[in-house]
């Protein structure tokens, strides 16, 4: 699976983003069952408690739900999935704008650069 982590952010937050991304991209489609916590933790090479924390946060966001004896499943609420996609996109935009700002490029200039790329 190739899980890589950045030392600058807590691992559980990175796990949340990674799983959220997999949901948004359809790797875990609406209504599908997630692998067991231990299986996912082993794949990501993290402590199961760390992964559990990420999964609980995703449950609170409404992207996952637990069935006591069956495991965790992806929501079928397309609005929640769409909101997660927008949240991930906004976070990427903020990271990009911060990097561009460090180069002396403001938001307006960045937008012009992006729109210029779409036309060409």
PDB file of N, CA and C in Angstrom:
ATOM      1  N   UNK A   1       0.819  -1.199   0.000  1.00  0.00           N
ATOM      2  CA  UNK A   1       0.000   0.000   0.000  1.00  0.00           C
ATOM      3  C   UNK A   1       0.863   1.263   0.000  1.00  0.00           C
ATOM      4  N   UNK A   2       2.077   1.193   0.518  1.00  0.00           N
ATOM      5  CA  UNK A   2       2.987   2.317   0.470  1.00  0.00           C
ATOM      6  C   UNK A   2       2.602   3.493   1.340  1.00  0.00           C
ATOM      7  N   UNK A   3       2.361   3.265   2.609  1.00  0.00           N
ATOM      8  CA  UNK A   3       2.001   4.346   3.527  1.00  0.00           C
ATOM      9  C   UNK A   3       3.271   5.074   3.939  1.00  0.00           C
ATOM     10  N   UNK A   4       3.340   6.366   3.699  1.00  0.00           N
ATOM     11  CA  UNK A   4       4.473   7.175   4.132  1.00  0.00           C
ATOM     12  C   UNK A   4       3.943   8.302   4.991  1.00  0.00           C
ATOM     13  N   UNK A   5       4.713   8.655   6.022  1.00  0.00           N
ATOM     14  CA  UNK A   5       4.262   9.667   6.964  1.00  0.00           C
ATOM     15  C   UNK A   5       5.256  10.809   7.057  1.00  0.00           C
ATOM     16  N   UNK A   6       4.705  11.996   7.239  1.00  0.00           N
ATOM     17  CA  UNK A   6       5.468  13.227   7.398  1.00  0.00           C
ATOM     18  C   UNK A   6       5.721  13.422   8.890  1.00  0.00           C
ATOM     19  N   UNK A   7       6.925  13.756   9.252  1.00  0.00           N
ATOM     20  CA  UNK A   7       7.270  13.939  10.666  1.00  0.00           C
ATOM     21  C   UNK A   7       6.653  15.197  11.270  1.00  0.00           C
ATOM     22  N   UNK A   8       6.141  16.098  10.446  1.00  0.00           N
ATOM     23  CA  UNK A   8       5.631  17.387  10.927  1.00  0.00           C
ATOM     24  C   UNK A   8       4.178  17.356  11.385  1.00  0.00           C
ATOM     25  N   UNK A   9       3.474  16.262  11.135  1.00  0.00           N
ATOM     26  CA  UNK A   9       2.061  16.149  11.526  1.00  0.00           C
ATOM     27  C   UNK A   9       1.843  14.860  12.286  1.00  0.00           C
ATOM     28  N   UNK A  10       0.910  14.868  13.238  1.00  0.00           N
ATOM     29  CA  UNK A  10       0.613  13.621  13.951  1.00  0.00           C
ATOM     30  C   UNK A  10       0.180  12.521  12.983  1.00  0.00           C
ATOM     31  N   UNK A  11       0.629  11.315  13.254  1.00  0.00           N
ATOM     32  CA  UNK A  11       0.340  10.191  12.363  1.00  0.00           C
ATOM     33  C   UNK A  11      -1.153   9.930  12.256  1.00  0.00           C
ATOM     34  N   UNK A  12      -1.892  10.065  13.363  1.00  0.00           N
ATOM     35  CA  UNK A  12      -3.329   9.764  13.282  1.00  0.00           C
ATOM     36  C   UNK A  12      -4.036  10.711  12.314  1.00  0.00           C
ATOM     37  N   UNK A  13      -3.577  11.977  12.236  1.00  0.00           N
ATOM     38  CA  UNK A  13      -4.179  12.923  11.284  1.00  0.00           C
ATOM     39  C   UNK A  13      -3.843  12.528   9.853  1.00  0.00           C
ATOM     40  N   UNK A  14      -2.632  12.054   9.643  1.00  0.00           N
ATOM     41  CA  UNK A  14      -2.246  11.599   8.313  1.00  0.00           C
ATOM     42  C   UNK A  14      -3.015  10.345   7.916  1.00  0.00           C
ATOM     43  N   UNK A  15      -3.258   9.475   8.883  1.00  0.00           N
ATOM     44  CA  UNK A  15      -4.071   8.287   8.621  1.00  0.00           C
ATOM     45  C   UNK A  15      -5.491   8.686   8.239  1.00  0.00           C
ATOM     46  N   UNK A  16      -6.047   9.661   8.977  1.00  0.00           N
ATOM     47  CA  UNK A  16      -7.392  10.152   8.650  1.00  0.00           C
ATOM     48  C   UNK A  16      -7.438  10.644   7.212  1.00  0.00           C
ATOM     49  N   UNK A  17      -6.471  11.482   6.844  1.00  0.00           N
ATOM     50  CA  UNK A  17      -6.452  12.032   5.489  1.00  0.00           C
ATOM     51  C   UNK A  17      -6.293  10.938   4.439  1.00  0.00           C
ATOM     52  N   UNK A  18      -5.458   9.954   4.727  1.00  0.00           N
ATOM     53  CA  UNK A  18      -5.219   8.878   3.769  1.00  0.00           C
ATOM     54  C   UNK A  18      -6.495   8.051   3.559  1.00  0.00           C
ATOM     55  N   UNK A  19      -7.143   7.684   4.653  1.00  0.00           N
ATOM     56  CA  UNK A  19      -8.374   6.881   4.552  1.00  0.00           C
ATOM     57  C   UNK A  19      -9.484   7.710   3.918  1.00  0.00           C
ATOM     58  N   UNK A  20      -9.564   8.974   4.301  1.00  0.00           N
ATOM     59  CA  UNK A  20     -10.556   9.879   3.707  1.00  0.00           C
ATOM     60  C   UNK A  20     -10.334   9.961   2.191  1.00  0.00           C
ATOM     61  N   UNK A  21      -9.072  10.073   1.790  1.00  0.00           N
ATOM     62  CA  UNK A  21      -8.746  10.119   0.363  1.00  0.00           C
ATOM     63  C   UNK A  21      -9.158   8.843  -0.352  1.00  0.00           C
ATOM     64  N   UNK A  22      -8.970   7.711   0.312  1.00  0.00           N
ATOM     65  CA  UNK A  22      -9.352   6.437  -0.294  1.00  0.00           C
ATOM     66  C   UNK A  22     -10.873   6.342  -0.459  1.00  0.00           C
ATOM     67  N   UNK A  23     -11.592   6.928   0.490  1.00  0.00           N
ATOM     68  CA  UNK A  23     -13.056   6.949   0.398  1.00  0.00           C
ATOM     69  C   UNK A  23     -13.478   7.856  -0.755  1.00  0.00           C
ATOM     70  N   UNK A  24     -12.902   9.046  -0.803  1.00  0.00           N
ATOM     71  CA  UNK A  24     -13.247  10.027  -1.835  1.00  0.00           C
ATOM     72  C   UNK A  24     -12.938   9.497  -3.235  1.00  0.00           C
ATOM     73  N   UNK A  25     -11.828   8.779  -3.370  1.00  0.00           N
ATOM     74  CA  UNK A  25     -11.432   8.260  -4.680  1.00  0.00           C
ATOM     75  C   UNK A  25     -12.122   6.946  -5.051  1.00  0.00           C
ATOM     76  N   UNK A  26     -12.891   6.375  -4.102  1.00  0.00           N
ATOM     77  CA  UNK A  26     -13.641   5.168  -4.405  1.00  0.00           C
ATOM     78  C   UNK A  26     -12.913   3.872  -4.105  1.00  0.00           C
ATOM     79  N   UNK A  27     -11.714   3.938  -3.529  1.00  0.00           N
ATOM     80  CA  UNK A  27     -11.029   2.704  -3.142  1.00  0.00           C
ATOM     81  C   UNK A  27     -11.847   1.980  -2.078  1.00  0.00           C
ATOM     82  N   UNK A  28     -12.518   2.761  -1.230  1.00  0.00           N
ATOM     83  CA  UNK A  28     -13.501   2.245  -0.287  1.00  0.00           C
ATOM     84  C   UNK A  28     -14.825   2.884  -0.682  1.00  0.00           C
ATOM     85  N   UNK A  29     -15.609   2.229  -1.536  1.00  0.00           N
ATOM     86  CA  UNK A  29     -16.861   2.821  -2.019  1.00  0.00           C
ATOM     87  C   UNK A  29     -17.922   2.930  -0.922  1.00  0.00           C
ATOM     88  N   UNK A  30     -18.931   3.775  -1.136  1.00  0.00           N
ATOM     89  CA  UNK A  30     -20.021   3.914  -0.163  1.00  0.00           C
ATOM     90  C   UNK A  30     -20.618   2.550   0.193  1.00  0.00           C
ATOM     91  N   UNK A  31     -20.799   2.320   1.490  1.00  0.00           N
ATOM     92  CA  UNK A  31     -21.383   1.079   1.962  1.00  0.00           C
ATOM     93  C   UNK A  31     -20.408  -0.069   2.127  1.00  0.00           C
ATOM     94  N   UNK A  32     -19.166   0.111   1.674  1.00  0.00           N
ATOM     95  CA  UNK A  32     -18.208  -0.995   1.754  1.00  0.00           C
ATOM     96  C   UNK A  32     -17.628  -1.128   3.151  1.00  0.00           C
ATOM     97  N   UNK A  33     -17.164  -2.322   3.440  1.00  0.00           N
ATOM     98  CA  UNK A  33     -16.571  -2.618   4.736  1.00  0.00           C
ATOM     99  C   UNK A  33     -15.076  -2.341   4.679  1.00  0.00           C
ATOM    100  N   UNK A  34     -14.569  -1.685   5.719  1.00  0.00           N
ATOM    101  CA  UNK A  34     -13.135  -1.458   5.839  1.00  0.00           C
ATOM    102  C   UNK A  34     -12.463  -2.711   6.377  1.00  0.00           C
ATOM    103  N   UNK A  35     -11.197  -2.892   6.047  1.00  0.00           N
ATOM    104  CA  UNK A  35     -10.461  -3.998   6.673  1.00  0.00           C
ATOM    105  C   UNK A  35     -10.435  -3.808   8.191  1.00  0.00           C
ATOM    106  N   UNK A  36     -10.160  -4.870   8.915  1.00  0.00           N
ATOM    107  CA  UNK A  36     -10.086  -4.817  10.374  1.00  0.00           C
ATOM    108  C   UNK A  36      -8.979  -3.861  10.815  1.00  0.00           C
ATOM    109  N   UNK A  37      -9.129  -3.307  12.007  1.00  0.00           N
ATOM    110  CA  UNK A  37      -8.159  -2.349  12.540  1.00  0.00           C
ATOM    111  C   UNK A  37      -6.750  -2.934  12.517  1.00  0.00           C
ATOM    112  N   UNK A  38      -6.597  -4.131  12.992  1.00  0.00           N
ATOM    113  CA  UNK A  38      -5.256  -4.732  13.036  1.00  0.00           C
ATOM    114  C   UNK A  38      -4.671  -4.902  11.636  1.00  0.00           C
ATOM    115  N   UNK A  39      -5.510  -5.278  10.693  1.00  0.00           N
ATOM    116  CA  UNK A  39      -5.053  -5.456   9.314  1.00  0.00           C
ATOM    117  C   UNK A  39      -4.600  -4.125   8.717  1.00  0.00           C
ATOM    118  N   UNK A  40      -5.406  -3.086   8.897  1.00  0.00           N
ATOM    119  CA  UNK A  40      -5.029  -1.755   8.406  1.00  0.00           C
ATOM    120  C   UNK A  40      -3.776  -1.238   9.104  1.00  0.00           C
ATOM    121  N   UNK A  41      -3.704  -1.424  10.420  1.00  0.00           N
ATOM    122  CA  UNK A  41      -2.546  -0.959  11.184  1.00  0.00           C
ATOM    123  C   UNK A  41      -1.274  -1.666  10.714  1.00  0.00           C
ATOM    124  N   UNK A  42      -1.390  -2.947  10.436  1.00  0.00           N
ATOM    125  CA  UNK A  42      -0.234  -3.692   9.951  1.00  0.00           C
ATOM    126  C   UNK A  42       0.203  -3.182   8.579  1.00  0.00           C
ATOM    127  N   UNK A  43      -0.759  -2.924   7.711  1.00  0.00           N
ATOM    128  CA  UNK A  43      -0.440  -2.414   6.376  1.00  0.00           C
ATOM    129  C   UNK A  43       0.250  -1.048   6.455  1.00  0.00           C
ATOM    130  N   UNK A  44      -0.211  -0.205   7.379  1.00  0.00           N
ATOM    131  CA  UNK A  44       0.358   1.136   7.529  1.00  0.00           C
ATOM    132  C   UNK A  44       1.576   1.132   8.445  1.00  0.00           C
ATOM    133  N   UNK A  45       1.832   0.014   9.095  1.00  0.00           N
ATOM    134  CA  UNK A  45       2.935  -0.134  10.046  1.00  0.00           C
ATOM    135  C   UNK A  45       2.832   0.891  11.171  1.00  0.00           C
ATOM    136  N   UNK A  46       1.635   0.954  11.769  1.00  0.00           N
ATOM    137  CA  UNK A  46       1.381   1.844  12.900  1.00  0.00           C
ATOM    138  C   UNK A  46       0.738   1.039  14.026  1.00  0.00           C
ATOM    139  N   UNK A  47       0.736   1.614  15.204  1.00  0.00           N
ATOM    140  CA  UNK A  47       0.094   1.001  16.351  1.00  0.00           C
ATOM    141  C   UNK A  47      -1.420   0.967  16.112  1.00  0.00           C
ATOM    142  N   UNK A  48      -2.073  -0.156  16.403  1.00  0.00           N
ATOM    143  CA  UNK A  48      -3.529  -0.221  16.216  1.00  0.00           C
ATOM    144  C   UNK A  48      -4.289   0.871  16.964  1.00  0.00           C
ATOM    145  N   UNK A  49      -3.792   1.305  18.117  1.00  0.00           N
ATOM    146  CA  UNK A  49      -4.454   2.378  18.868  1.00  0.00           C
ATOM    147  C   UNK A  49      -4.424   3.703  18.112  1.00  0.00           C
ATOM    148  N   UNK A  50      -3.328   3.944  17.395  1.00  0.00           N
ATOM    149  CA  UNK A  50      -3.216   5.159  16.577  1.00  0.00           C
ATOM    150  C   UNK A  50      -4.234   5.121  15.447  1.00  0.00           C
ATOM    151  N   UNK A  51      -4.339   3.982  14.807  1.00  0.00           N
ATOM    152  CA  UNK A  51      -5.314   3.826  13.725  1.00  0.00           C
ATOM    153  C   UNK A  51      -6.735   3.934  14.264  1.00  0.00           C
ATOM    154  N   UNK A  52      -6.970   3.345  15.419  1.00  0.00           N
ATOM    155  CA  UNK A  52      -8.294   3.403  16.045  1.00  0.00           C
ATOM    156  C   UNK A  52      -8.710   4.854  16.265  1.00  0.00           C
ATOM    157  N   UNK A  53      -7.778   5.683  16.704  1.00  0.00           N
ATOM    158  CA  UNK A  53      -8.081   7.097  16.931  1.00  0.00           C
ATOM    159  C   UNK A  53      -8.511   7.772  15.632  1.00  0.00           C
ATOM    160  N   UNK A  54      -7.802   7.487  14.550  1.00  0.00           N
ATOM    161  CA  UNK A  54      -8.148   8.062  13.251  1.00  0.00           C
ATOM    162  C   UNK A  54      -9.538   7.599  12.815  1.00  0.00           C
ATOM    163  N   UNK A  55      -9.831   6.331  12.999  1.00  0.00           N
ATOM    164  CA  UNK A  55     -11.133   5.790  12.588  1.00  0.00           C
ATOM    165  C   UNK A  55     -12.276   6.391  13.410  1.00  0.00           C
ATOM    166  N   UNK A  56     -12.041   6.587  14.699  1.00  0.00           N
ATOM    167  CA  UNK A  56     -13.070   7.214  15.536  1.00  0.00           C
ATOM    168  C   UNK A  56     -13.350   8.641  15.078  1.00  0.00           C
ATOM    169  N   UNK A  57     -12.304   9.372  14.703  1.00  0.00           N
ATOM    170  CA  UNK A  57     -12.505  10.729  14.183  1.00  0.00           C
ATOM    171  C   UNK A  57     -13.303  10.697  12.883  1.00  0.00           C
ATOM    172  N   UNK A  58     -13.032   9.728  12.025  1.00  0.00           N
ATOM    173  CA  UNK A  58     -13.775   9.611  10.766  1.00  0.00           C
ATOM    174  C   UNK A  58     -15.231   9.222  11.026  1.00  0.00           C
ATOM    175  N   UNK A  59     -15.468   8.468  12.090  1.00  0.00           N
ATOM    176  CA  UNK A  59     -16.850   8.169  12.481  1.00  0.00           C
ATOM    177  C   UNK A  59     -17.552   9.449  12.918  1.00  0.00           C
ATOM    178  N   UNK A  60     -16.859  10.264  13.733  1.00  0.00           N
ATOM    179  CA  UNK A  60     -17.452  11.525  14.196  1.00  0.00           C
ATOM    180  C   UNK A  60     -17.769  12.457  13.034  1.00  0.00           C
ATOM    181  N   UNK A  61     -16.947  12.402  11.977  1.00  0.00           N
ATOM    182  CA  UNK A  61     -17.193  13.219  10.784  1.00  0.00           C
ATOM    183  C   UNK A  61     -18.335  12.669   9.945  1.00  0.00           C
ATOM    184  N   UNK A  62     -18.757  11.462  10.213  1.00  0.00           N
ATOM    185  CA  UNK A  62     -19.853  10.866   9.459  1.00  0.00           C
ATOM    186  C   UNK A  62     -19.423  10.109   8.222  1.00  0.00           C
ATOM    187  N   UNK A  63     -18.110   9.876   8.056  1.00  0.00           N
ATOM    188  CA  UNK A  63     -17.645   9.126   6.889  1.00  0.00           C
ATOM    189  C   UNK A  63     -17.677   7.622   7.111  1.00  0.00           C
ATOM    190  N   UNK A  64     -17.585   7.213   8.351  1.00  0.00           N
ATOM    191  CA  UNK A  64     -17.628   5.796   8.700  1.00  0.00           C
ATOM    192  C   UNK A  64     -18.708   5.561   9.742  1.00  0.00           C
ATOM    193  N   UNK A  65     -19.183   4.331   9.811  1.00  0.00           N
ATOM    194  CA  UNK A  65     -20.046   3.938  10.914  1.00  0.00           C
ATOM    195  C   UNK A  65     -19.671   2.516  11.306  1.00  0.00           C
ATOM    196  N   UNK A  66     -19.847   2.230  12.576  1.00  0.00           N
ATOM    197  CA  UNK A  66     -19.491   0.907  13.094  1.00  0.00           C
ATOM    198  C   UNK A  66     -20.744   0.091  13.341  1.00  0.00           C
ATOM    199  N   UNK A  67     -20.655  -1.174  12.999  1.00  0.00           N
ATOM    200  CA  UNK A  67     -21.692  -2.134  13.373  1.00  0.00           C
ATOM    201  C   UNK A  67     -21.021  -3.092  14.343  1.00  0.00           C
ATOM    202  N   UNK A  68     -21.533  -3.136  15.507  1.00  0.00           N
ATOM    203  CA  UNK A  68     -20.895  -3.796  16.652  1.00  0.00           C
ATOM    204  C   UNK A  68     -20.208  -5.118  16.327  1.00  0.00           C
ATOM    205  N   UNK A  69     -20.850  -5.988  15.637  1.00  0.00           N
ATOM    206  CA  UNK A  69     -20.263  -7.308  15.392  1.00  0.00           C
ATOM    207  C   UNK A  69     -19.697  -7.477  13.982  1.00  0.00           C
ATOM    208  N   UNK A  70     -19.921  -6.488  13.126  1.00  0.00           N
ATOM    209  CA  UNK A  70     -19.536  -6.645  11.727  1.00  0.00           C
ATOM    210  C   UNK A  70     -18.341  -5.799  11.293  1.00  0.00           C
ATOM    211  N   UNK A  71     -17.977  -4.775  12.053  1.00  0.00           N
ATOM    212  CA  UNK A  71     -16.852  -3.932  11.677  1.00  0.00           C
ATOM    213  C   UNK A  71     -17.283  -2.533  11.292  1.00  0.00           C
ATOM    214  N   UNK A  72     -16.408  -1.855  10.579  1.00  0.00           N
ATOM    215  CA  UNK A  72     -16.667  -0.475  10.153  1.00  0.00           C
ATOM    216  C   UNK A  72     -16.977  -0.426   8.666  1.00  0.00           C
ATOM    217  N   UNK A  73     -17.896   0.489   8.332  1.00  0.00           N
ATOM    218  CA  UNK A  73     -18.342   0.633   6.949  1.00  0.00           C
ATOM    219  C   UNK A  73     -18.286   2.095   6.541  1.00  0.00           C
ATOM    220  N   UNK A  74     -18.143   2.308   5.241  1.00  0.00           N
ATOM    221  CA  UNK A  74     -18.165   3.654   4.682  1.00  0.00           C
ATOM    222  C   UNK A  74     -19.607   4.115   4.574  1.00  0.00           C
ATOM    223  N   UNK A  75     -19.837   5.373   4.906  1.00  0.00           N
ATOM    224  CA  UNK A  75     -21.174   5.940   4.801  1.00  0.00           C
ATOM    225  C   UNK A  75     -21.687   5.872   3.365  1.00  0.00           C
ATOM    226  N   UNK A  76     -22.986   5.858   3.233  1.00  0.00           N
ATOM    227  CA  UNK A  76     -23.598   5.950   1.903  1.00  0.00           C
ATOM    228  C   UNK A  76     -24.090   7.371   1.647  1.00  0.00           C
ATOM    229  N   UNK A  77     -23.809   8.271   2.582  1.00  0.00           N
ATOM    230  CA  UNK A  77     -24.194   9.676   2.474  1.00  0.00           C
ATOM    231  C   UNK A  77     -23.229  10.395   1.532  1.00  0.00           C
ATOM    232  N   UNK A  78     -23.689  10.596   0.297  1.00  0.00           N
ATOM    233  CA  UNK A  78     -22.822  11.218  -0.703  1.00  0.00           C
ATOM    234  C   UNK A  78     -22.469  12.659  -0.357  1.00  0.00           C
ATOM    235  N   UNK A  79     -23.339  13.331   0.399  1.00  0.00           N
ATOM    236  CA  UNK A  79     -23.038  14.691   0.844  1.00  0.00           C
ATOM    237  C   UNK A  79     -21.843  14.716   1.777  1.00  0.00           C
ATOM    238  N   UNK A  80     -21.749  13.739   2.671  1.00  0.00           N
ATOM    239  CA  UNK A  80     -20.613  13.651   3.586  1.00  0.00           C
ATOM    240  C   UNK A  80     -19.327  13.359   2.812  1.00  0.00           C
ATOM    241  N   UNK A  81     -19.412  12.509   1.817  1.00  0.00           N
ATOM    242  CA  UNK A  81     -18.238  12.182   1.005  1.00  0.00           C
ATOM    243  C   UNK A  81     -17.809  13.399   0.187  1.00  0.00           C
ATOM    244  N   UNK A  82     -18.765  14.115  -0.364  1.00  0.00           N
ATOM    245  CA  UNK A  82     -18.464  15.323  -1.129  1.00  0.00           C
ATOM    246  C   UNK A  82     -17.814  16.383  -0.232  1.00  0.00           C
ATOM    247  N   UNK A  83     -18.322  16.527   0.992  1.00  0.00           N
ATOM    248  CA  UNK A  83     -17.753  17.491   1.938  1.00  0.00           C
ATOM    249  C   UNK A  83     -16.314  17.104   2.298  1.00  0.00           C
ATOM    250  N   UNK A  84     -16.064  15.812   2.440  1.00  0.00           N
ATOM    251  CA  UNK A  84     -14.707  15.344   2.736  1.00  0.00           C
ATOM    252  C   UNK A  84     -13.772  15.665   1.574  1.00  0.00           C
ATOM    253  N   UNK A  85     -14.267  15.480   0.364  1.00  0.00           N
ATOM    254  CA  UNK A  85     -13.465  15.779  -0.827  1.00  0.00           C
ATOM    255  C   UNK A  85     -13.117  17.263  -0.875  1.00  0.00           C
ATOM    256  N   UNK A  86     -14.107  18.106  -0.600  1.00  0.00           N
ATOM    257  CA  UNK A  86     -13.865  19.550  -0.594  1.00  0.00           C
ATOM    258  C   UNK A  86     -12.890  19.936   0.509  1.00  0.00           C
ATOM    259  N   UNK A  87     -13.000  19.300   1.669  1.00  0.00           N
ATOM    260  CA  UNK A  87     -12.080  19.579   2.767  1.00  0.00           C
ATOM    261  C   UNK A  87     -10.648  19.218   2.420  1.00  0.00           C
ATOM    262  N   UNK A  88     -10.463  18.055   1.807  1.00  0.00           N
ATOM    263  CA  UNK A  88      -9.121  17.654   1.380  1.00  0.00           C
ATOM    264  C   UNK A  88      -8.578  18.606   0.324  1.00  0.00           C
ATOM    265  N   UNK A  89      -9.434  19.020  -0.607  1.00  0.00           N
ATOM    266  CA  UNK A  89      -9.006  19.947  -1.654  1.00  0.00           C
ATOM    267  C   UNK A  89      -8.607  21.298  -1.061  1.00  0.00           C
ATOM    268  N   UNK A  90      -9.399  21.797  -0.123  1.00  0.00           N
ATOM    269  CA  UNK A  90      -9.070  23.080   0.519  1.00  0.00           C
ATOM    270  C   UNK A  90      -7.749  23.006   1.274  1.00  0.00           C
ATOM    271  N   UNK A  91      -7.494  21.892   1.927  1.00  0.00           N
ATOM    272  CA  UNK A  91      -6.227  21.727   2.649  1.00  0.00           C
ATOM    273  C   UNK A  91      -5.052  21.746   1.674  1.00  0.00           C
ATOM    274  N   UNK A  92      -5.221  21.105   0.523  1.00  0.00           N
ATOM    275  CA  UNK A  92      -4.163  21.118  -0.496  1.00  0.00           C
ATOM    276  C   UNK A  92      -3.942  22.528  -1.041  1.00  0.00           C
ATOM    277  N   UNK A  93      -5.037  23.246  -1.260  1.00  0.00           N
ATOM    278  CA  UNK A  93      -4.936  24.625  -1.755  1.00  0.00           C
ATOM    279  C   UNK A  93      -4.196  25.492  -0.741  1.00  0.00           C
ATOM    280  N   UNK A  94      -4.532  25.332   0.542  1.00  0.00           N
ATOM    281  CA  UNK A  94      -3.859  26.115   1.584  1.00  0.00           C
ATOM    282  C   UNK A  94      -2.368  25.809   1.632  1.00  0.00           C
ATOM    283  N   UNK A  95      -2.000  24.519   1.489  1.00  0.00           N
ATOM    284  CA  UNK A  95      -0.574  24.151   1.479  1.00  0.00           C
ATOM    285  C   UNK A  95       0.130  24.767   0.277  1.00  0.00           C
ATOM    286  N   UNK A  96      -0.539  24.704  -0.859  1.00  0.00           N
ATOM    287  CA  UNK A  96       0.040  25.261  -2.086  1.00  0.00           C
ATOM    288  C   UNK A  96       0.209  26.774  -1.972  1.00  0.00           C
ATOM    289  N   UNK A  97      -0.818  27.459  -1.470  1.00  0.00           N
ATOM    290  CA  UNK A  97      -0.729  28.912  -1.310  1.00  0.00           C
ATOM    291  C   UNK A  97       0.358  29.307  -0.327  1.00  0.00           C
ATOM    292  N   UNK A  98       0.532  28.521   0.732  1.00  0.00           N
ATOM    293  CA  UNK A  98       1.600  28.807   1.690  1.00  0.00           C
ATOM    294  C   UNK A  98       2.964  28.667   1.030  1.00  0.00           C
ATOM    295  N   UNK A  99       3.132  27.633   0.215  1.00  0.00           N
ATOM    296  CA  UNK A  99       4.400  27.436  -0.490  1.00  0.00           C
ATOM    297  C   UNK A  99       4.644  28.560  -1.486  1.00  0.00           C
ATOM    298  N   UNK A 100       3.596  28.961  -2.201  1.00  0.00           N
ATOM    299  CA  UNK A 100       3.737  30.056  -3.162  1.00  0.00           C
ATOM    300  C   UNK A 100       4.018  31.377  -2.450  1.00  0.00           C
ATOM    301  N   UNK A 101       3.383  31.576  -1.302  1.00  0.00           N
ATOM    302  CA  UNK A 101       3.616  32.786  -0.511  1.00  0.00           C
ATOM    303  C   UNK A 101       5.086  32.878  -0.106  1.00  0.00           C
ATOM    304  N   UNK A 102       5.682  31.736   0.231  1.00  0.00           N
ATOM    305  CA  UNK A 102       7.099  31.736   0.611  1.00  0.00           C
ATOM    306  C   UNK A 102       7.992  32.096  -0.569  1.00  0.00           C
ATOM    307  N   UNK A 103       7.459  31.994  -1.784  1.00  0.00           N
ATOM    308  CA  UNK A 103       8.186  32.405  -2.990  1.00  0.00           C
ATOM    309  C   UNK A 103       7.850  33.839  -3.394  1.00  0.00           C
ATOM    310  N   UNK A 104       7.019  34.492  -2.599  1.00  0.00           N
ATOM    311  CA  UNK A 104       6.635  35.867  -2.897  1.00  0.00           C
ATOM    312  C   UNK A 104       5.478  35.980  -3.872  1.00  0.00           C
ATOM    313  N   UNK A 105       4.724  34.901  -4.039  1.00  0.00           N
ATOM    314  CA  UNK A 105       3.592  34.899  -4.967  1.00  0.00           C
ATOM    315  C   UNK A 105       2.305  34.957  -4.152  1.00  0.00           C
ATOM    316  N   UNK A 106       1.485  35.970  -4.403  1.00  0.00           N
ATOM    317  CA  UNK A 106       0.225  36.134  -3.698  1.00  0.00           C
ATOM    318  C   UNK A 106      -0.881  35.307  -4.316  1.00  0.00           C
ATOM    319  N   UNK A 107      -2.029  35.294  -3.652  1.00  0.00           N
ATOM    320  CA  UNK A 107      -3.166  34.486  -4.094  1.00  0.00           C
ATOM    321  C   UNK A 107      -3.643  34.893  -5.483  1.00  0.00           C
ATOM    322  N   UNK A 108      -3.711  36.210  -5.748  1.00  0.00           N
ATOM    323  CA  UNK A 108      -4.187  36.676  -7.051  1.00  0.00           C
ATOM    324  C   UNK A 108      -3.257  36.218  -8.167  1.00  0.00           C
ATOM    325  N   UNK A 109      -1.953  36.373  -7.949  1.00  0.00           N
ATOM    326  CA  UNK A 109      -0.986  35.942  -8.954  1.00  0.00           C
ATOM    327  C   UNK A 109      -1.036  34.420  -9.138  1.00  0.00           C
ATOM    328  N   UNK A 110      -1.198  33.692  -8.040  1.00  0.00           N
ATOM    329  CA  UNK A 110      -1.299  32.232  -8.124  1.00  0.00           C
ATOM    330  C   UNK A 110      -2.521  31.831  -8.947  1.00  0.00           C
ATOM    331  N   UNK A 111      -3.663  32.500  -8.693  1.00  0.00           N
ATOM    332  CA  UNK A 111      -4.878  32.199  -9.452  1.00  0.00           C
ATOM    333  C   UNK A 111      -4.671  32.467 -10.937  1.00  0.00           C
ATOM    334  N   UNK A 112      -4.002  33.573 -11.260  1.00  0.00           N
ATOM    335  CA  UNK A 112      -3.724  33.882 -12.668  1.00  0.00           C
ATOM    336  C   UNK A 112      -2.841  32.813 -13.298  1.00  0.00           C
ATOM    337  N   UNK A 113      -1.855  32.336 -12.527  1.00  0.00           N
ATOM    338  CA  UNK A 113      -0.976  31.298 -13.035  1.00  0.00           C
ATOM    339  C   UNK A 113      -1.750  30.000 -13.283  1.00  0.00           C
ATOM    340  N   UNK A 114      -2.631  29.663 -12.359  1.00  0.00           N
ATOM    341  CA  UNK A 114      -3.403  28.425 -12.493  1.00  0.00           C
ATOM    342  C   UNK A 114      -4.356  28.531 -13.676  1.00  0.00           C
ATOM    343  N   UNK A 115      -5.064  29.647 -13.766  1.00  0.00           N
ATOM    344  CA  UNK A 115      -6.005  29.814 -14.872  1.00  0.00           C
ATOM    345  C   UNK A 115      -5.301  29.869 -16.205  1.00  0.00           C
ATOM    346  N   UNK A 116      -4.104  30.434 -16.231  1.00  0.00           N
ATOM    347  CA  UNK A 116      -3.299  30.461 -17.457  1.00  0.00           C
ATOM    348  C   UNK A 116      -2.900  29.056 -17.879  1.00  0.00           C
ATOM    349  N   UNK A 117      -2.650  28.175 -16.902  1.00  0.00           N
ATOM    350  CA  UNK A 117      -2.284  26.785 -17.206  1.00  0.00           C
ATOM    351  C   UNK A 117      -3.446  26.021 -17.809  1.00  0.00           C
ATOM    352  N   UNK A 118      -4.656  26.317 -17.346  1.00  0.00           N
ATOM    353  CA  UNK A 118      -5.836  25.596 -17.844  1.00  0.00           C
ATOM    354  C   UNK A 118      -6.089  25.912 -19.305  1.00  0.00           C
ATOM    355  N   UNK A 119      -5.776  27.149 -19.695  1.00  0.00           N
ATOM    356  CA  UNK A 119      -6.046  27.557 -21.073  1.00  0.00           C
ATOM    357  C   UNK A 119      -5.039  26.947 -22.048  1.00  0.00           C
ATOM    358  N   UNK A 120      -3.826  26.706 -21.580  1.00  0.00           N
ATOM    359  CA  UNK A 120      -2.756  26.232 -22.470  1.00  0.00           C
ATOM    360  C   UNK A 120      -2.661  24.805 -22.552  1.00  0.00           C
TER     361      UNK A 120
END
